[in-house]
Amino acid sequence: MRKLTGLFFMALSAAPAFAQEKVDAAVMEKIRKEGLENSKVMDIAFYLTDVSGPRLAKSEGYTRASTWATGELKKWGLENAALEPWGDFGKSWDLKKSYVAMAAPYYRPLIAYPKTWTKGTGGLKSAEVILIKATDSVSLLPYKGKLKGKVIVVYKTDTLKQTFTADATRYDDSTLLKMAAAKPAAPRPPMDSAAMARMRQANAGAASLTTVLRNMAEAEGAVALLSTSPRGHDGTLFVQGGGAYAAGSKPNFLDIMVAFEDYMSICRLANAGIPVKLDVDVETSMNETDTKGYNVVAEIKGTDPSLKEEIVMLGAHLDSWQGATGATDNAAGSAVMMEAVRILKTIGVKPRRTIRIALWNGEEQGLLGSRGYVKNHFADPATMALKPEHAKFSSYFNIDNGTGKIRGIYTQGNEAVKGIFTEWLKPFTDLGATTVTLSNTGGTDHQSFDAVGLPGFQFIQDGIEYNTRTHHTNMDSYDHLIAADLKQISTIVAAFVYNAAMRDEKLPRKELPKPRPAGGR
């Protein structure tokens, strides 16, 4: 780490006179030193990934990771560390065995992962491939009665499109300047009923063919359905859910995601009339003994008699998908949030407000853990009836965009915090974090807080290879984490949380949103 000069800290100490926002230079130096020189973030990431395994919500891996995280938070001296139920989730799903290979016209192992909440094969099956050329349920009729004992492959004519850009990228200065200059997004006009009807009809058509085919396959005793996506290439495949996980729902028909190159080879062979056989042996387990979902929560208690009941939160989702150990999505976020509170405990801060960490469950199924938590503690966005804790909430900070270092923060259109965050970032300009944008970003747990009018923020992170190589793929492993970037994130998050916990006032809020009944847009 490059040592900061005395001149830098003199300038930092003088900043509040101009910005009217207090930043404790001495504490910022302690946070930097602990976060950048004595980091434990990669150790935490190792236990959340390699040791715990894939962390699908309600899986054995999630239980291992959440139990370990709760124990570590207790060990560091945080209070009220617990697995807190947020509501009903559904059944667990664990993959016990998966073997998929081409047996004819020659032997070749395939890169393949079963989708979640699908059932197994009931032992090793040697099955012929049947190639389905259909675009709707009517063109499926000629295949009726022909699916028993078969592996189903839907014909595709896609070709691989080579990429000529790097998988990993960082923000350049011009892009960050544009983000900093952005104005709050105008509210989206409501979609007219005709447009909504057209969108539903288009979505229903695609879903209908898949549903009809799966139902046919199930009824006739097919072995499995293969799926693929041209988005995944070079052995990378994007694998997620295979259907319902609600308690009481029947196991979904076995749907196996196959690497694009493998899938297209099977398609070409079968289309040429060359018989293709696959060996498939998949074993899965599902359990409904406990259908609740659980978040990890813990606190550093506030010390100011008049402010200690107020809350500053930081969090990330702990669950992942099944194709790998969920390193960039989102062990990275969970590890840096745990590291941030470890830093604060280690340097011995006495926050005025209570600092609460949360590691969320069920984010991948629709922000379920954070939405349930917000509904239980603060407000239901459907009614906007506020609970007492709503008034005592200061802010929530989230990480969930991979391993890339922080370059700034999204304010979600909250103009009143822009100047505050600009001052909070000044001690970290040398680490590349300078940008405060009024733009919104979505797709993760800060939205659960923003939805009920609470200040919830996601940091701007370098993309690295998140959207090209690791997000929801079989490549999302520990090896794709960048230690220096995670140390930088942990340090900046610890500083933001500390500043929010120490300032005289809670962070400013936007206007309360109107109620959004279920199904509303």
Foldseek 3Di string as FASTA:
>chain_A
DDDDDPVLLVVLCCVCVPLVADADSVVLNLLLCCLQPVFCLLVLLCCLFVVLHAFAFQESSVVSNLVVLLVVCVVLPFPPWDWAFLFFAFKYKDWDDWFKWWPPPHTDGFLKDWATLAAWQVFKAKAWEDEQEDQAPVSCVVCQPPAARHEYAYADDDDADDDDDDLFDFDDPVVLVCQQPDAADDDDDDDDPVVVVVVVVVVCGVVRRVVSVQVSNVVRHHREYEDFDSLAAPSKGFHYHDDDRHYPDDRGHIYMYTHPVVSVVSNVCVVVVGIIIMIIGIHMDMDVPDRTGTKTKTKDAADAPVQRLAEEEEEEASHAGNLRRCSFQPSLFHSLLSSLVSSCSVVPDRFNYMYMYIHAGPLVVPLSRLLSVCVVQFHNLQALPGDPNNVRYFEYETEGQGQFAFQEKEFCQPVQCQSVRQSLCSVPVVVNHHHYGPYDDDSGNLVSQVSFFHGGIYTDGRNTNCSRHAPNISPPHSVPHDVSRSSNRSSSVSSVSRSQRHDPDGRDTDDGDHRARPPRD
